[in-house]
Structures are given as structure tokens and as C-alpha cells.
Amino acid sequence: MNTPARAPARSAGRRVLRALILLLALSLAGLAAWSWLALSFSYSEGVRAGVVQKFSRKGWLCKTDEGQLAQFIVAGVSPQIWDFSVRDAAVAADLSKAVGKAVRLHYREHRGLPTTCFGDTRYFVDQVELATTAPSVDVAPAAAPPAGAPASSSATSGSPAGAAASTAP
């Protein structure tokens, strides 16, 4: 005859369980919506050029394609390394073939991704173009002598002393 008293306790437990399940479902739906928004709209986009230094597929649970682009600025200075991710399998195959070659990479930057399952970086390459020439790492060429000036031997030797001697009266 204590049966009616137990019935409300069960229904309270079920209400708590339903509330937890609803909270979990809403959290997952919010995470999915945020991921979709973050991947649908890019913060920025652009092109970078250099040599593909490394490209690999990595991850324990979420396998992602990741790479590094070496951007050469000036001869004698170590290159700037730019890390990027790839989501498209066709682009990943092109990049895998381009390791060690000069390329131009078009990318989109997606900020605020909730997990690294989409990529380790916020830069996602979506287009690869092989560069027709290697990246320029030379310093600026020497200035040509003014028009009408006599050619001197110092122009070929590069010696400032020779230039001063050739201009003396």
C-alpha cells in the first residue's frame, strides 16, 4: 500500500534522465551547427608560394592531411615555414606528388573550429598550382651604369676602389 508513494519517485527520476538526454542532444546539435558555420564561412583567403617541404596523413582517431610550405624570402636567410591542412582528397593527392617542388597554394582560413578532427591548422588549402619557375632567392641585381657613361672594369669586378680610380682625372 505504499505503491502510490513510489510512483512519483520513478517519474522524477525519469524526468531527470529525459532532461539530461535533452541537454546532451542540444549540446551535440550546437556543436554540429558551430562546426558547420566555422567551415562554411572563411575568415580570410589568399595564395602562398614556396616549396612543399613535407606532406603527411596523421592522427590517432581523426586522420587529417597536413603539410609544410617553405617560403624563401632572401638568399642566406632560413625560409619561413607555413603549416597547412587539406580536406579534399584530390588536392591531397596533388600535394603528395608536389613534395620538393615549387608551388602556389590557394587557401582559406577558418577560425574557431571546435576540434582538430578537421585539421591541425586553421589554414585549409583548396587549390594547388605548380609554379613554372623556382622561387626566387637571389638578391637584387647590380644597378646598370647610367646611359652614356663609359664602361669601366670596376663594373665587372665589383670593387669600389677600382670605381674610384677609374673616375679620377
C-alpha atoms as a PDB file:
ATOM      1  CA  MET A   1       0.000   0.000   0.000  1.00  0.00           C
ATOM      2  CA  ASN A   2       2.974   2.240  -0.273  1.00  0.00           C
ATOM      3  CA  THR A   3       2.776   1.803  -4.016  1.00  0.00           C
ATOM      4  CA  PRO A   4       1.356   5.270  -4.771  1.00  0.00           C
ATOM      5  CA  ALA A   5       4.286   6.913  -2.919  1.00  0.00           C
ATOM      6  CA  ARG A   6       6.894   5.134  -5.106  1.00  0.00           C
ATOM      7  CA  ALA A   7       5.309   6.168  -8.390  1.00  0.00           C
ATOM      8  CA  PRO A   8       6.253   9.871  -8.056  1.00  0.00           C
ATOM      9  CA  ALA A   9       9.879   8.940  -7.264  1.00  0.00           C
ATOM     10  CA  ARG A  10      10.133   6.986 -10.509  1.00  0.00           C
ATOM     11  CA  SER A  11       8.627   9.755 -12.567  1.00  0.00           C
ATOM     12  CA  ALA A  12      11.055  12.287 -11.013  1.00  0.00           C
ATOM     13  CA  GLY A  13      13.979  10.046 -11.964  1.00  0.00           C
ATOM     14  CA  ARG A  14      12.656   9.732 -15.494  1.00  0.00           C
ATOM     15  CA  ARG A  15      12.260  13.492 -15.757  1.00  0.00           C
ATOM     16  CA  VAL A  16      15.894  13.998 -14.723  1.00  0.00           C
ATOM     17  CA  LEU A  17      17.053  11.372 -17.225  1.00  0.00           C
ATOM     18  CA  ARG A  18      14.987  12.985 -20.005  1.00  0.00           C
ATOM     19  CA  ALA A  19      16.398  16.401 -19.128  1.00  0.00           C
ATOM     20  CA  LEU A  20      19.979  15.063 -19.280  1.00  0.00           C
ATOM     21  CA  ILE A  21      19.335  13.373 -22.626  1.00  0.00           C
ATOM     22  CA  LEU A  22      17.770  16.584 -23.966  1.00  0.00           C
ATOM     23  CA  LEU A  23      20.724  18.640 -22.704  1.00  0.00           C
ATOM     24  CA  LEU A  24      23.182  16.231 -24.350  1.00  0.00           C
ATOM     25  CA  ALA A  25      21.245  16.288 -27.644  1.00  0.00           C
ATOM     26  CA  LEU A  26      21.111  20.107 -27.649  1.00  0.00           C
ATOM     27  CA  SER A  27      24.846  20.298 -26.894  1.00  0.00           C
ATOM     28  CA  LEU A  28      25.671  17.970 -29.795  1.00  0.00           C
ATOM     29  CA  ALA A  29      23.350  19.900 -32.117  1.00  0.00           C
ATOM     30  CA  GLY A  30      25.013  23.170 -31.081  1.00  0.00           C
ATOM     31  CA  LEU A  31      28.486  21.703 -31.670  1.00  0.00           C
ATOM     32  CA  ALA A  32      27.433  20.441 -35.102  1.00  0.00           C
ATOM     33  CA  ALA A  33      25.918  23.829 -36.015  1.00  0.00           C
ATOM     34  CA  TRP A  34      29.045  25.699 -34.855  1.00  0.00           C
ATOM     35  CA  SER A  35      31.288  23.336 -36.843  1.00  0.00           C
ATOM     36  CA  TRP A  36      29.161  23.792 -39.949  1.00  0.00           C
ATOM     37  CA  LEU A  37      29.244  27.592 -39.603  1.00  0.00           C
ATOM     38  CA  ALA A  38      33.001  27.682 -38.972  1.00  0.00           C
ATOM     39  CA  LEU A  39      33.694  25.526 -42.032  1.00  0.00           C
ATOM     40  CA  SER A  40      31.156  27.253 -44.302  1.00  0.00           C
ATOM     41  CA  PHE A  41      32.463  30.784 -43.882  1.00  0.00           C
ATOM     42  CA  SER A  42      36.130  31.664 -44.209  1.00  0.00           C
ATOM     43  CA  TYR A  43      37.782  34.428 -42.215  1.00  0.00           C
ATOM     44  CA  SER A  44      40.314  35.078 -44.972  1.00  0.00           C
ATOM     45  CA  GLU A  45      41.664  33.567 -48.148  1.00  0.00           C
ATOM     46  CA  GLY A  46      44.804  34.012 -50.179  1.00  0.00           C
ATOM     47  CA  VAL A  47      47.730  32.497 -52.053  1.00  0.00           C
ATOM     48  CA  ARG A  48      51.153  31.495 -50.770  1.00  0.00           C
ATOM     49  CA  ALA A  49      54.123  30.367 -52.842  1.00  0.00           C
ATOM     50  CA  GLY A  50      57.119  28.268 -51.954  1.00  0.00           C
ATOM     51  CA  VAL A  51      58.363  24.696 -51.918  1.00  0.00           C
ATOM     52  CA  VAL A  52      56.292  21.895 -50.397  1.00  0.00           C
ATOM     53  CA  GLN A  53      58.659  20.607 -47.752  1.00  0.00           C
ATOM     54  CA  LYS A  54      56.541  17.965 -46.040  1.00  0.00           C
ATOM     55  CA  PHE A  55      53.130  16.374 -46.549  1.00  0.00           C
ATOM     56  CA  SER A  56      51.625  13.594 -44.441  1.00  0.00           C
ATOM     57  CA  ARG A  57      48.410  11.999 -43.226  1.00  0.00           C
ATOM     58  CA  LYS A  58      48.310  11.828 -39.449  1.00  0.00           C
ATOM     59  CA  GLY A  59      46.116  11.451 -36.394  1.00  0.00           C
ATOM     60  CA  TRP A  60      45.007   8.746 -33.991  1.00  0.00           C
ATOM     61  CA  LEU A  61      41.261   8.877 -34.404  1.00  0.00           C
ATOM     62  CA  CYS A  62      40.716  11.646 -36.957  1.00  0.00           C
ATOM     63  CA  LYS A  63      43.113  11.267 -39.892  1.00  0.00           C
ATOM     64  CA  THR A  64      43.981  14.625 -41.455  1.00  0.00           C
ATOM     65  CA  ASP A  65      46.301  15.650 -44.288  1.00  0.00           C
ATOM     66  CA  GLU A  66      48.903  18.140 -43.062  1.00  0.00           C
ATOM     67  CA  GLY A  67      51.801  19.845 -44.821  1.00  0.00           C
ATOM     68  CA  GLN A  68      54.518  22.456 -44.622  1.00  0.00           C
ATOM     69  CA  LEU A  69      55.446  25.065 -47.209  1.00  0.00           C
ATOM     70  CA  ALA A  70      58.934  26.604 -47.121  1.00  0.00           C
ATOM     71  CA  GLN A  71      58.708  30.251 -48.185  1.00  0.00           C
ATOM     72  CA  PHE A  72      62.078  31.636 -49.266  1.00  0.00           C
ATOM     73  CA  ILE A  73      62.475  35.352 -48.709  1.00  0.00           C
ATOM     74  CA  VAL A  74      66.149  36.188 -49.393  1.00  0.00           C
ATOM     75  CA  ALA A  75      69.220  34.070 -50.087  1.00  0.00           C
ATOM     76  CA  GLY A  76      71.117  33.237 -46.921  1.00  0.00           C
ATOM     77  CA  VAL A  77      68.074  33.570 -44.665  1.00  0.00           C
ATOM     78  CA  SER A  78      66.308  30.474 -43.448  1.00  0.00           C
ATOM     79  CA  PRO A  79      62.870  30.008 -45.019  1.00  0.00           C
ATOM     80  CA  GLN A  80      59.653  30.806 -43.233  1.00  0.00           C
ATOM     81  CA  ILE A  81      57.708  27.580 -42.647  1.00  0.00           C
ATOM     82  CA  TRP A  82      53.935  27.715 -43.101  1.00  0.00           C
ATOM     83  CA  ASP A  83      51.804  24.840 -41.785  1.00  0.00           C
ATOM     84  CA  PHE A  84      48.564  23.970 -43.567  1.00  0.00           C
ATOM     85  CA  SER A  85      45.789  21.352 -43.678  1.00  0.00           C
ATOM     86  CA  VAL A  86      43.927  19.768 -46.594  1.00  0.00           C
ATOM     87  CA  ARG A  87      40.349  18.454 -46.560  1.00  0.00           C
ATOM     88  CA  ASP A  88      39.957  17.437 -50.235  1.00  0.00           C
ATOM     89  CA  ALA A  89      41.405  14.046 -51.295  1.00  0.00           C
ATOM     90  CA  ALA A  90      42.175  15.246 -54.860  1.00  0.00           C
ATOM     91  CA  VAL A  91      44.146  18.245 -53.543  1.00  0.00           C
ATOM     92  CA  ALA A  92      45.963  15.935 -51.109  1.00  0.00           C
ATOM     93  CA  ALA A  93      46.988  13.665 -53.988  1.00  0.00           C
ATOM     94  CA  ASP A  94      48.298  16.663 -55.976  1.00  0.00           C
ATOM     95  CA  LEU A  95      50.276  17.924 -52.983  1.00  0.00           C
ATOM     96  CA  SER A  96      51.726  14.477 -52.341  1.00  0.00           C
ATOM     97  CA  LYS A  97      53.122  14.499 -55.896  1.00  0.00           C
ATOM     98  CA  ALA A  98      54.447  18.062 -55.476  1.00  0.00           C
ATOM     99  CA  VAL A  99      56.695  17.484 -52.451  1.00  0.00           C
ATOM    100  CA  GLY A 100      60.039  19.150 -53.169  1.00  0.00           C
ATOM    101  CA  LYS A 101      58.614  21.290 -55.991  1.00  0.00           C
ATOM    102  CA  ALA A 102      57.763  24.974 -56.215  1.00  0.00           C
ATOM    103  CA  VAL A 103      54.012  25.571 -55.922  1.00  0.00           C
ATOM    104  CA  ARG A 104      51.367  28.232 -55.405  1.00  0.00           C
ATOM    105  CA  LEU A 105      48.735  27.247 -52.832  1.00  0.00           C
ATOM    106  CA  HIS A 106      45.311  28.864 -52.581  1.00  0.00           C
ATOM    107  CA  TYR A 107      43.959  28.621 -49.041  1.00  0.00           C
ATOM    108  CA  ARG A 108      41.061  29.633 -46.833  1.00  0.00           C
ATOM    109  CA  GLU A 109      41.411  30.447 -43.145  1.00  0.00           C
ATOM    110  CA  HIS A 110      38.708  29.071 -40.849  1.00  0.00           C
ATOM    111  CA  ARG A 111      38.895  30.385 -37.294  1.00  0.00           C
ATOM    112  CA  GLY A 112      37.066  28.949 -34.319  1.00  0.00           C
ATOM    113  CA  LEU A 113      36.880  25.289 -35.277  1.00  0.00           C
ATOM    114  CA  PRO A 114      35.790  23.347 -32.206  1.00  0.00           C
ATOM    115  CA  THR A 115      38.060  20.335 -32.774  1.00  0.00           C
ATOM    116  CA  THR A 116      41.241  19.307 -34.599  1.00  0.00           C
ATOM    117  CA  CYS A 117      39.395  16.498 -36.393  1.00  0.00           C
ATOM    118  CA  PHE A 118      39.089  18.846 -39.388  1.00  0.00           C
ATOM    119  CA  GLY A 119      42.799  19.723 -39.429  1.00  0.00           C
ATOM    120  CA  ASP A 120      45.663  20.694 -37.138  1.00  0.00           C
ATOM    121  CA  THR A 121      45.794  24.248 -38.515  1.00  0.00           C
ATOM    122  CA  ARG A 122      43.219  26.877 -39.365  1.00  0.00           C
ATOM    123  CA  TYR A 123      44.595  27.197 -42.932  1.00  0.00           C
ATOM    124  CA  PHE A 124      42.956  24.840 -45.445  1.00  0.00           C
ATOM    125  CA  VAL A 125      44.475  24.520 -48.924  1.00  0.00           C
ATOM    126  CA  ASP A 126      41.864  24.032 -51.636  1.00  0.00           C
ATOM    127  CA  GLN A 127      43.902  24.513 -54.824  1.00  0.00           C
ATOM    128  CA  VAL A 128      47.440  23.632 -55.933  1.00  0.00           C
ATOM    129  CA  GLU A 129      49.285  25.125 -58.883  1.00  0.00           C
ATOM    130  CA  LEU A 130      52.798  24.063 -59.859  1.00  0.00           C
ATOM    131  CA  ALA A 131      54.982  27.117 -60.266  1.00  0.00           C
ATOM    132  CA  THR A 132      56.616  27.493 -63.672  1.00  0.00           C
ATOM    133  CA  THR A 133      59.809  28.825 -62.097  1.00  0.00           C
ATOM    134  CA  ALA A 134      61.536  28.058 -58.844  1.00  0.00           C
ATOM    135  CA  PRO A 135      61.065  30.571 -56.031  1.00  0.00           C
ATOM    136  CA  SER A 136      63.475  33.460 -56.388  1.00  0.00           C
ATOM    137  CA  VAL A 137      66.089  33.503 -53.641  1.00  0.00           C
ATOM    138  CA  ASP A 138      68.592  35.780 -55.400  1.00  0.00           C
ATOM    139  CA  VAL A 139      69.466  39.226 -54.165  1.00  0.00           C
ATOM    140  CA  ALA A 140      68.652  42.232 -56.352  1.00  0.00           C
ATOM    141  CA  PRO A 141      70.876  42.526 -59.452  1.00  0.00           C
ATOM    142  CA  ALA A 142      73.560  45.210 -59.572  1.00  0.00           C
ATOM    143  CA  ALA A 143      72.444  48.552 -60.970  1.00  0.00           C
ATOM    144  CA  ALA A 144      73.359  49.231 -64.603  1.00  0.00           C
ATOM    145  CA  PRO A 145      75.674  52.201 -65.314  1.00  0.00           C
ATOM    146  CA  PRO A 146      73.902  55.405 -66.384  1.00  0.00           C
ATOM    147  CA  ALA A 147      73.341  55.881 -70.120  1.00  0.00           C
ATOM    148  CA  GLY A 148      76.295  57.489 -71.857  1.00  0.00           C
ATOM    149  CA  ALA A 149      78.740  56.642 -69.055  1.00  0.00           C
ATOM    150  CA  PRO A 150      81.918  54.847 -70.141  1.00  0.00           C
ATOM    151  CA  ALA A 151      82.046  51.204 -69.154  1.00  0.00           C
ATOM    152  CA  SER A 152      84.736  50.557 -66.584  1.00  0.00           C
ATOM    153  CA  SER A 153      86.454  47.409 -65.491  1.00  0.00           C
ATOM    154  CA  SER A 154      85.180  48.016 -61.951  1.00  0.00           C
ATOM    155  CA  ALA A 155      81.643  47.231 -63.093  1.00  0.00           C
ATOM    156  CA  THR A 156      82.693  43.656 -63.711  1.00  0.00           C
ATOM    157  CA  SER A 157      84.982  43.318 -60.726  1.00  0.00           C
ATOM    158  CA  GLY A 158      82.594  44.929 -58.249  1.00  0.00           C
ATOM    159  CA  SER A 159      85.449  46.715 -56.473  1.00  0.00           C
ATOM    160  CA  PRO A 160      84.606  50.154 -55.070  1.00  0.00           C
ATOM    161  CA  ALA A 161      88.308  51.097 -55.122  1.00  0.00           C
ATOM    162  CA  GLY A 162      88.500  50.360 -58.837  1.00  0.00           C
ATOM    163  CA  ALA A 163      85.435  52.527 -59.424  1.00  0.00           C
ATOM    164  CA  ALA A 164      87.023  55.470 -57.608  1.00  0.00           C
ATOM    165  CA  ALA A 165      90.286  55.035 -59.520  1.00  0.00           C
ATOM    166  CA  SER A 166      88.549  54.961 -62.904  1.00  0.00           C
ATOM    167  CA  THR A 167      86.667  58.191 -62.234  1.00  0.00           C
ATOM    168  CA  ALA A 168      89.750  60.120 -61.039  1.00  0.00           C
ATOM    169  CA  PRO A 169      91.081  62.791 -63.531  1.00  0.00           C
END
